[in-house]
Full PDB file with SEQRES, HELIX, SHEET, SSBOND, CRYST1, ORIGX, SCALE, CONECT and MASTER records, all heavy atoms in Angstrom:
SEQRES   1 A   36  ASN LEU ILE VAL ALA SER ALA GLU ARG ALA GLY TYR LEU          
SEQRES   2 A   36  ALA PRO MET PRO GLN VAL PRO ALA ASN LEU PRO PRO SER          
SEQRES   3 A   36  THR ARG THR GLY LEU ALA VAL LEU ASP GLY                      
HELIX    1 AA1 LEU A    2  ALA A   10  1                                   9    
CRYST1    1.000    1.000    1.000  90.00  90.00  90.00 P 1           1          
ORIGX1      1.000000  0.000000  0.000000        0.00000                         
ORIGX2      0.000000  1.000000  0.000000        0.00000                         
ORIGX3      0.000000  0.000000  1.000000        0.00000                         
SCALE1      1.000000  0.000000  0.000000        0.00000                         
SCALE2      0.000000  1.000000  0.000000        0.00000                         
SCALE3      0.000000  0.000000  1.000000        0.00000                         
ATOM      1  N   ASN A   1       0.832  -1.212   0.000  1.00  0.00           N  
ATOM      2  CA  ASN A   1       0.000   0.000   0.000  1.00  0.00           C  
ATOM      3  C   ASN A   1       0.864   1.258   0.000  1.00  0.00           C  
ATOM      4  O   ASN A   1       0.576   2.241  -0.702  1.00  0.00           O  
ATOM      5  CB  ASN A   1      -0.934   0.007   1.202  1.00  0.00           C  
ATOM      6  CG  ASN A   1      -1.975  -1.095   1.125  1.00  0.00           C  
ATOM      7  OD1 ASN A   1      -2.313  -1.562   0.031  1.00  0.00           O  
ATOM      8  ND2 ASN A   1      -2.487  -1.537   2.270  1.00  0.00           N  
ATOM      9  N   LEU A   2       1.923   1.230   0.811  1.00  0.00           N  
ATOM     10  CA  LEU A   2       2.809   2.396   0.889  1.00  0.00           C  
ATOM     11  C   LEU A   2       3.513   2.632  -0.442  1.00  0.00           C  
ATOM     12  O   LEU A   2       3.610   3.771  -0.926  1.00  0.00           O  
ATOM     13  CB  LEU A   2       3.846   2.182   2.001  1.00  0.00           C  
ATOM     14  CG  LEU A   2       4.880   3.311   2.192  1.00  0.00           C  
ATOM     15  CD1 LEU A   2       4.173   4.615   2.533  1.00  0.00           C  
ATOM     16  CD2 LEU A   2       5.889   2.926   3.261  1.00  0.00           C  
ATOM     17  N   ILE A   3       3.984   1.553  -1.077  1.00  0.00           N  
ATOM     18  CA  ILE A   3       4.698   1.691  -2.347  1.00  0.00           C  
ATOM     19  C   ILE A   3       3.767   2.183  -3.442  1.00  0.00           C  
ATOM     20  O   ILE A   3       4.101   3.075  -4.227  1.00  0.00           O  
ATOM     21  CB  ILE A   3       5.352   0.353  -2.739  1.00  0.00           C  
ATOM     22  CG1 ILE A   3       6.470   0.006  -1.763  1.00  0.00           C  
ATOM     23  CG2 ILE A   3       5.906   0.425  -4.159  1.00  0.00           C  
ATOM     24  CD1 ILE A   3       7.561   1.029  -1.689  1.00  0.00           C  
ATOM     25  N   VAL A   4       2.565   1.619  -3.499  1.00  0.00           N  
ATOM     26  CA  VAL A   4       1.616   2.025  -4.542  1.00  0.00           C  
ATOM     27  C   VAL A   4       1.239   3.494  -4.370  1.00  0.00           C  
ATOM     28  O   VAL A   4       1.205   4.271  -5.328  1.00  0.00           O  
ATOM     29  CB  VAL A   4       0.365   1.128  -4.511  1.00  0.00           C  
ATOM     30  CG1 VAL A   4      -0.725   1.702  -5.430  1.00  0.00           C  
ATOM     31  CG2 VAL A   4       0.724  -0.279  -4.951  1.00  0.00           C  
ATOM     32  N   ALA A   5       0.959   3.906  -3.109  1.00  0.00           N  
ATOM     33  CA  ALA A   5       0.587   5.307  -2.867  1.00  0.00           C  
ATOM     34  C   ALA A   5       1.739   6.242  -3.221  1.00  0.00           C  
ATOM     35  O   ALA A   5       1.547   7.298  -3.843  1.00  0.00           O  
ATOM     36  CB  ALA A   5       0.173   5.493  -1.405  1.00  0.00           C  
ATOM     37  N   SER A   6       2.947   5.848  -2.834  1.00  0.00           N  
ATOM     38  CA  SER A   6       4.102   6.693  -3.138  1.00  0.00           C  
ATOM     39  C   SER A   6       4.371   6.746  -4.637  1.00  0.00           C  
ATOM     40  O   SER A   6       4.723   7.795  -5.184  1.00  0.00           O  
ATOM     41  CB  SER A   6       5.344   6.167  -2.401  1.00  0.00           C  
ATOM     42  OG  SER A   6       5.144   6.184  -0.998  1.00  0.00           O  
ATOM     43  N   ALA A   7       4.206   5.614  -5.310  1.00  0.00           N  
ATOM     44  CA  ALA A   7       4.436   5.590  -6.757  1.00  0.00           C  
ATOM     45  C   ALA A   7       3.428   6.461  -7.491  1.00  0.00           C  
ATOM     46  O   ALA A   7       3.771   7.168  -8.442  1.00  0.00           O  
ATOM     47  CB  ALA A   7       4.368   4.158  -7.277  1.00  0.00           C  
ATOM     48  N   GLU A   8       2.169   6.420  -7.063  1.00  0.00           N  
ATOM     49  CA  GLU A   8       1.157   7.270  -7.701  1.00  0.00           C  
ATOM     50  C   GLU A   8       1.466   8.742  -7.463  1.00  0.00           C  
ATOM     51  O   GLU A   8       1.339   9.572  -8.376  1.00  0.00           O  
ATOM     52  CB  GLU A   8      -0.233   6.928  -7.155  1.00  0.00           C  
ATOM     53  CG  GLU A   8      -0.740   5.569  -7.594  1.00  0.00           C  
ATOM     54  CD  GLU A   8      -2.092   5.231  -6.968  1.00  0.00           C  
ATOM     55  OE1 GLU A   8      -2.454   5.889  -5.973  1.00  0.00           O  
ATOM     56  OE2 GLU A   8      -2.762   4.340  -7.491  1.00  0.00           O  
ATOM     57  N   ARG A   9       1.874   9.084  -6.246  1.00  0.00           N  
ATOM     58  CA  ARG A   9       2.153  10.475  -5.932  1.00  0.00           C  
ATOM     59  C   ARG A   9       3.394  10.987  -6.681  1.00  0.00           C  
ATOM     60  O   ARG A   9       3.424  12.133  -7.131  1.00  0.00           O  
ATOM     61  CB  ARG A   9       2.365  10.637  -4.427  1.00  0.00           C  
ATOM     62  CG  ARG A   9       2.554  12.096  -3.984  1.00  0.00           C  
ATOM     63  CD  ARG A   9       2.610  12.232  -2.472  1.00  0.00           C  
ATOM     64  NE  ARG A   9       3.759  11.544  -1.890  1.00  0.00           N  
ATOM     65  CZ  ARG A   9       3.694  10.428  -1.200  1.00  0.00           C  
ATOM     66  NH1 ARG A   9       2.537   9.828  -0.994  1.00  0.00           N  
ATOM     67  NH2 ARG A   9       4.793   9.853  -0.695  1.00  0.00           N  
ATOM     68  N   ALA A  10       4.404  10.164  -6.835  1.00  0.00           N  
ATOM     69  CA  ALA A  10       5.655  10.589  -7.469  1.00  0.00           C  
ATOM     70  C   ALA A  10       5.665  10.378  -8.973  1.00  0.00           C  
ATOM     71  O   ALA A  10       6.611  10.771  -9.638  1.00  0.00           O  
ATOM     72  CB  ALA A  10       6.835   9.837  -6.847  1.00  0.00           C  
ATOM     73  N   GLY A  11       4.614   9.765  -9.529  1.00  0.00           N  
ATOM     74  CA  GLY A  11       4.567   9.584 -10.969  1.00  0.00           C  
ATOM     75  C   GLY A  11       5.294   8.352 -11.457  1.00  0.00           C  
ATOM     76  O   GLY A  11       5.511   8.195 -12.660  1.00  0.00           O  
ATOM     77  N   TYR A  12       5.654   7.425 -10.554  1.00  0.00           N  
ATOM     78  CA  TYR A  12       6.317   6.201 -10.977  1.00  0.00           C  
ATOM     79  C   TYR A  12       5.311   5.160 -11.472  1.00  0.00           C  
ATOM     80  O   TYR A  12       5.696   4.164 -12.072  1.00  0.00           O  
ATOM     81  CB  TYR A  12       7.124   5.601  -9.823  1.00  0.00           C  
ATOM     82  CG  TYR A  12       8.492   6.190  -9.682  1.00  0.00           C  
ATOM     83  CD1 TYR A  12       8.714   7.304  -8.875  1.00  0.00           C  
ATOM     84  CD2 TYR A  12       9.575   5.649 -10.366  1.00  0.00           C  
ATOM     85  CE1 TYR A  12       9.966   7.852  -8.749  1.00  0.00           C  
ATOM     86  CE2 TYR A  12      10.832   6.194 -10.243  1.00  0.00           C  
ATOM     87  CZ  TYR A  12      11.028   7.286  -9.442  1.00  0.00           C  
ATOM     88  OH  TYR A  12      12.270   7.824  -9.328  1.00  0.00           O  
ATOM     89  N   LEU A  13       4.036   5.333 -11.207  1.00  0.00           N  
ATOM     90  CA  LEU A  13       3.023   4.354 -11.572  1.00  0.00           C  
ATOM     91  C   LEU A  13       2.256   4.886 -12.765  1.00  0.00           C  
ATOM     92  O   LEU A  13       1.442   5.812 -12.653  1.00  0.00           O  
ATOM     93  CB  LEU A  13       2.071   4.104 -10.388  1.00  0.00           C  
ATOM     94  CG  LEU A  13       1.108   2.933 -10.558  1.00  0.00           C  
ATOM     95  CD1 LEU A  13       1.872   1.644 -10.818  1.00  0.00           C  
ATOM     96  CD2 LEU A  13       0.223   2.788  -9.331  1.00  0.00           C  
ATOM     97  N   ALA A  14       2.524   4.364 -13.945  1.00  0.00           N  
ATOM     98  CA  ALA A  14       1.840   4.796 -15.162  1.00  0.00           C  
ATOM     99  C   ALA A  14       0.516   4.063 -15.298  1.00  0.00           C  
ATOM    100  O   ALA A  14       0.287   3.015 -14.667  1.00  0.00           O  
ATOM    101  CB  ALA A  14       2.725   4.512 -16.373  1.00  0.00           C  
ATOM    102  N   PRO A  15      -0.429   4.586 -16.102  1.00  0.00           N  
ATOM    103  CA  PRO A  15      -1.708   3.898 -16.317  1.00  0.00           C  
ATOM    104  C   PRO A  15      -1.474   2.499 -16.875  1.00  0.00           C  
ATOM    105  O   PRO A  15      -0.604   2.271 -17.713  1.00  0.00           O  
ATOM    106  CB  PRO A  15      -2.434   4.803 -17.321  1.00  0.00           C  
ATOM    107  CG  PRO A  15      -1.788   6.130 -17.171  1.00  0.00           C  
ATOM    108  CD  PRO A  15      -0.375   5.859 -16.808  1.00  0.00           C  
ATOM    109  N   MET A  16      -2.271   1.539 -16.399  1.00  0.00           N  
ATOM    110  CA  MET A  16      -2.129   0.148 -16.821  1.00  0.00           C  
ATOM    111  C   MET A  16      -2.595  -0.016 -18.260  1.00  0.00           C  
ATOM    112  O   MET A  16      -3.679   0.428 -18.624  1.00  0.00           O  
ATOM    113  CB  MET A  16      -2.944  -0.763 -15.904  1.00  0.00           C  
ATOM    114  CG  MET A  16      -2.435  -0.773 -14.466  1.00  0.00           C  
ATOM    115  SD  MET A  16      -0.816  -1.556 -14.333  1.00  0.00           S  
ATOM    116  CE  MET A  16      -1.243  -3.247 -14.715  1.00  0.00           C  
ATOM    117  N   PRO A  17      -1.797  -0.628 -19.124  1.00  0.00           N  
ATOM    118  CA  PRO A  17      -2.234  -0.859 -20.510  1.00  0.00           C  
ATOM    119  C   PRO A  17      -3.301  -1.949 -20.572  1.00  0.00           C  
ATOM    120  O   PRO A  17      -3.396  -2.802 -19.685  1.00  0.00           O  
ATOM    121  CB  PRO A  17      -0.940  -1.285 -21.201  1.00  0.00           C  
ATOM    122  CG  PRO A  17      -0.124  -1.909 -20.115  1.00  0.00           C  
ATOM    123  CD  PRO A  17      -0.441  -1.147 -18.868  1.00  0.00           C  
ATOM    124  N   GLN A  18      -4.133  -1.891 -21.602  1.00  0.00           N  
ATOM    125  CA  GLN A  18      -5.166  -2.897 -21.813  1.00  0.00           C  
ATOM    126  C   GLN A  18      -4.523  -4.140 -22.439  1.00  0.00           C  
ATOM    127  O   GLN A  18      -3.964  -4.094 -23.526  1.00  0.00           O  
ATOM    128  CB  GLN A  18      -6.259  -2.339 -22.735  1.00  0.00           C  
ATOM    129  CG  GLN A  18      -6.969  -1.133 -22.157  1.00  0.00           C  
ATOM    130  CD  GLN A  18      -7.731  -1.466 -20.879  1.00  0.00           C  
ATOM    131  OE1 GLN A  18      -8.255  -2.575 -20.748  1.00  0.00           O  
ATOM    132  NE2 GLN A  18      -7.761  -0.541 -19.944  1.00  0.00           N  
ATOM    133  N   VAL A  19      -4.591  -5.274 -21.733  1.00  0.00           N  
ATOM    134  CA  VAL A  19      -4.012  -6.532 -22.222  1.00  0.00           C  
ATOM    135  C   VAL A  19      -5.054  -7.623 -22.066  1.00  0.00           C  
ATOM    136  O   VAL A  19      -6.013  -7.488 -21.283  1.00  0.00           O  
ATOM    137  CB  VAL A  19      -2.736  -6.893 -21.430  1.00  0.00           C  
ATOM    138  CG1 VAL A  19      -1.676  -5.835 -21.627  1.00  0.00           C  
ATOM    139  CG2 VAL A  19      -3.033  -7.048 -19.947  1.00  0.00           C  
ATOM    140  N   PRO A  20      -4.934  -8.701 -22.817  1.00  0.00           N  
ATOM    141  CA  PRO A  20      -5.855  -9.833 -22.630  1.00  0.00           C  
ATOM    142  C   PRO A  20      -5.848 -10.312 -21.195  1.00  0.00           C  
ATOM    143  O   PRO A  20      -4.856 -10.205 -20.482  1.00  0.00           O  
ATOM    144  CB  PRO A  20      -5.296 -10.884 -23.602  1.00  0.00           C  
ATOM    145  CG  PRO A  20      -4.565 -10.090 -24.636  1.00  0.00           C  
ATOM    146  CD  PRO A  20      -4.002  -8.913 -23.927  1.00  0.00           C  
ATOM    147  N   ALA A  21      -6.947 -10.849 -20.777  1.00  0.00           N  
ATOM    148  CA  ALA A  21      -7.119 -11.224 -19.363  1.00  0.00           C  
ATOM    149  C   ALA A  21      -6.142 -12.297 -18.924  1.00  0.00           C  
ATOM    150  O   ALA A  21      -5.782 -12.376 -17.757  1.00  0.00           O  
ATOM    151  CB  ALA A  21      -8.562 -11.700 -19.121  1.00  0.00           C  
ATOM    152  N   ASN A  22      -5.703 -13.147 -19.855  1.00  0.00           N  
ATOM    153  CA  ASN A  22      -4.817 -14.246 -19.465  1.00  0.00           C  
ATOM    154  C   ASN A  22      -3.344 -13.870 -19.508  1.00  0.00           C  
ATOM    155  O   ASN A  22      -2.482 -14.714 -19.364  1.00  0.00           O  
ATOM    156  CB  ASN A  22      -5.060 -15.451 -20.366  1.00  0.00           C  
ATOM    157  CG  ASN A  22      -4.810 -15.120 -21.828  1.00  0.00           C  
ATOM    158  OD1 ASN A  22      -4.762 -13.949 -22.187  1.00  0.00           O  
ATOM    159  ND2 ASN A  22      -4.678 -16.149 -22.671  1.00  0.00           N  
ATOM    160  N   LEU A  23      -3.038 -12.567 -19.759  1.00  0.00           N  
ATOM    161  CA  LEU A  23      -1.639 -12.122 -19.802  1.00  0.00           C  
ATOM    162  C   LEU A  23      -1.373 -11.163 -18.660  1.00  0.00           C  
ATOM    163  O   LEU A  23      -2.220 -10.317 -18.355  1.00  0.00           O  
ATOM    164  CB  LEU A  23      -1.329 -11.433 -21.128  1.00  0.00           C  
ATOM    165  CG  LEU A  23      -1.399 -12.331 -22.379  1.00  0.00           C  
ATOM    166  CD1 LEU A  23      -1.141 -11.501 -23.623  1.00  0.00           C  
ATOM    167  CD2 LEU A  23      -0.401 -13.474 -22.280  1.00  0.00           C  
ATOM    168  N   PRO A  24      -0.208 -11.262 -18.029  1.00  0.00           N  
ATOM    169  CA  PRO A  24       0.101 -10.319 -16.934  1.00  0.00           C  
ATOM    170  C   PRO A  24       0.372  -8.939 -17.498  1.00  0.00           C  
ATOM    171  O   PRO A  24       1.068  -8.802 -18.488  1.00  0.00           O  
ATOM    172  CB  PRO A  24       1.375 -10.923 -16.303  1.00  0.00           C  
ATOM    173  CG  PRO A  24       1.995 -11.714 -17.409  1.00  0.00           C  
ATOM    174  CD  PRO A  24       0.854 -12.259 -18.231  1.00  0.00           C  
ATOM    175  N   PRO A  25      -0.215  -7.900 -16.886  1.00  0.00           N  
ATOM    176  CA  PRO A  25       0.025  -6.531 -17.380  1.00  0.00           C  
ATOM    177  C   PRO A  25       1.452  -6.079 -17.055  1.00  0.00           C  
ATOM    178  O   PRO A  25       2.027  -6.478 -16.055  1.00  0.00           O  
ATOM    179  CB  PRO A  25      -1.000  -5.695 -16.618  1.00  0.00           C  
ATOM    180  CG  PRO A  25      -1.222  -6.461 -15.357  1.00  0.00           C  
ATOM    181  CD  PRO A  25      -1.106  -7.909 -15.717  1.00  0.00           C  
ATOM    182  N   SER A  26       2.003  -5.234 -17.912  1.00  0.00           N  
ATOM    183  CA  SER A  26       3.335  -4.667 -17.677  1.00  0.00           C  
ATOM    184  C   SER A  26       3.366  -3.234 -18.187  1.00  0.00           C  
ATOM    185  O   SER A  26       3.002  -2.980 -19.327  1.00  0.00           O  
ATOM    186  CB  SER A  26       4.415  -5.487 -18.372  1.00  0.00           C  
ATOM    187  OG  SER A  26       5.670  -4.887 -18.225  1.00  0.00           O  
ATOM    188  N   THR A  27       3.750  -2.330 -17.327  1.00  0.00           N  
ATOM    189  CA  THR A  27       3.850  -0.920 -17.720  1.00  0.00           C  
ATOM    190  C   THR A  27       5.280  -0.522 -18.031  1.00  0.00           C  
ATOM    191  O   THR A  27       5.529   0.576 -18.476  1.00  0.00           O  
ATOM    192  CB  THR A  27       3.336  -0.024 -16.586  1.00  0.00           C  
ATOM    193  OG1 THR A  27       4.171  -0.211 -15.435  1.00  0.00           O  
ATOM    194  CG2 THR A  27       1.898  -0.336 -16.257  1.00  0.00           C  
ATOM    195  N   ARG A  28       6.238  -1.426 -17.767  1.00  0.00           N  
ATOM    196  CA  ARG A  28       7.680  -1.163 -17.925  1.00  0.00           C  
ATOM    197  C   ARG A  28       8.182  -0.084 -16.969  1.00  0.00           C  
ATOM    198  O   ARG A  28       9.292   0.360 -17.071  1.00  0.00           O  
ATOM    199  CB  ARG A  28       8.023  -0.785 -19.362  1.00  0.00           C  
ATOM    200  CG  ARG A  28       7.783  -1.902 -20.362  1.00  0.00           C  
ATOM    201  CD  ARG A  28       8.406  -1.603 -21.704  1.00  0.00           C  
ATOM    202  NE  ARG A  28       8.175  -2.682 -22.652  1.00  0.00           N  
ATOM    203  CZ  ARG A  28       8.930  -3.775 -22.751  1.00  0.00           C  
ATOM    204  NH1 ARG A  28       9.943  -3.916 -21.923  1.00  0.00           N  
ATOM    205  NH2 ARG A  28       8.660  -4.699 -23.643  1.00  0.00           N  
ATOM    206  N   THR A  29       7.316   0.411 -16.081  1.00  0.00           N  
ATOM    207  CA  THR A  29       7.727   1.381 -15.068  1.00  0.00           C  
ATOM    208  C   THR A  29       7.127   0.964 -13.738  1.00  0.00           C  
ATOM    209  O   THR A  29       6.267   0.075 -13.670  1.00  0.00           O  
ATOM    210  CB  THR A  29       7.256   2.795 -15.415  1.00  0.00           C  
ATOM    211  OG1 THR A  29       5.827   2.820 -15.430  1.00  0.00           O  
ATOM    212  CG2 THR A  29       7.784   3.245 -16.764  1.00  0.00           C  
ATOM    213  N   GLY A  30       7.558   1.639 -12.694  1.00  0.00           N  
ATOM    214  CA  GLY A  30       6.980   1.365 -11.387  1.00  0.00           C  
ATOM    215  C   GLY A  30       8.005   1.505 -10.289  1.00  0.00           C  
ATOM    216  O   GLY A  30       9.118   1.992 -10.493  1.00  0.00           O  
ATOM    217  N   LEU A  31       7.605   1.017  -9.113  1.00  0.00           N  
ATOM    218  CA  LEU A  31       8.420   1.162  -7.911  1.00  0.00           C  
ATOM    219  C   LEU A  31       8.426  -0.170  -7.190  1.00  0.00           C  
ATOM    220  O   LEU A  31       7.378  -0.837  -7.088  1.00  0.00           O  
ATOM    221  CB  LEU A  31       7.836   2.258  -7.019  1.00  0.00           C  
ATOM    222  CG  LEU A  31       8.670   2.755  -5.848  1.00  0.00           C  
ATOM    223  CD1 LEU A  31       9.992   3.318  -6.336  1.00  0.00           C  
ATOM    224  CD2 LEU A  31       7.896   3.827  -5.093  1.00  0.00           C  
ATOM    225  N   ALA A  32       9.581  -0.581  -6.673  1.00  0.00           N  
ATOM    226  CA  ALA A  32       9.708  -1.873  -6.008  1.00  0.00           C  
ATOM    227  C   ALA A  32      10.627  -1.740  -4.810  1.00  0.00           C  
ATOM    228  O   ALA A  32      11.460  -0.831  -4.733  1.00  0.00           O  
ATOM    229  CB  ALA A  32      10.248  -2.920  -6.972  1.00  0.00           C  
ATOM    230  N   VAL A  33      10.441  -2.708  -3.847  1.00  0.00           N  
ATOM    231  CA  VAL A  33      11.295  -2.800  -2.660  1.00  0.00           C  
ATOM    232  C   VAL A  33      12.010  -4.134  -2.705  1.00  0.00           C  
ATOM    233  O   VAL A  33      11.369  -5.187  -2.864  1.00  0.00           O  
ATOM    234  CB  VAL A  33      10.478  -2.666  -1.365  1.00  0.00           C  
ATOM    235  CG1 VAL A  33      11.394  -2.817  -0.152  1.00  0.00           C  
ATOM    236  CG2 VAL A  33       9.763  -1.337  -1.314  1.00  0.00           C  
ATOM    237  N   LEU A  34      13.327  -4.108  -2.571  1.00  0.00           N  
ATOM    238  CA  LEU A  34      14.138  -5.316  -2.504  1.00  0.00           C  
ATOM    239  C   LEU A  34      14.813  -5.360  -1.147  1.00  0.00           C  
ATOM    240  O   LEU A  34      15.146  -4.320  -0.566  1.00  0.00           O  
ATOM    241  CB  LEU A  34      15.186  -5.336  -3.614  1.00  0.00           C  
ATOM    242  CG  LEU A  34      14.652  -5.397  -5.054  1.00  0.00           C  
ATOM    243  CD1 LEU A  34      14.427  -3.988  -5.596  1.00  0.00           C  
ATOM    244  CD2 LEU A  34      15.607  -6.171  -5.954  1.00  0.00           C  
ATOM    245  N   ASP A  35      14.991  -6.589  -0.628  1.00  0.00           N  
ATOM    246  CA  ASP A  35      15.611  -6.702   0.693  1.00  0.00           C  
ATOM    247  C   ASP A  35      17.129  -6.606   0.571  1.00  0.00           C  
ATOM    248  O   ASP A  35      17.672  -6.360  -0.510  1.00  0.00           O  
ATOM    249  CB  ASP A  35      15.182  -8.008   1.371  1.00  0.00           C  
ATOM    250  CG  ASP A  35      15.613  -9.244   0.583  1.00  0.00           C  
ATOM    251  OD1 ASP A  35      16.554  -9.138  -0.257  1.00  0.00           O  
ATOM    252  OD2 ASP A  35      15.021 -10.315   0.770  1.00  0.00           O  
ATOM    253  N   GLY A  36      17.812  -6.809   1.696  1.00  0.00           N  
ATOM    254  CA  GLY A  36      19.259  -6.638   1.728  1.00  0.00           C  
ATOM    255  C   GLY A  36      20.024  -7.670   0.938  1.00  0.00           C  
ATOM    256  O   GLY A  36      21.220  -7.511   0.726  1.00  0.00           O  
TER     257      GLY A  36                                                      
MASTER        0    0    0    1    0    0    0    6  256    1    0    3          
END                                                                             
């Protein structure tokens, strides 16, 4: 929730493209957290 809210506020989360239901969507952009 924190990452999604921050990504929307900072512009890292682009609108989701329309893809067939059986394919995973990909925007080629976004925000992620990786551990150590």
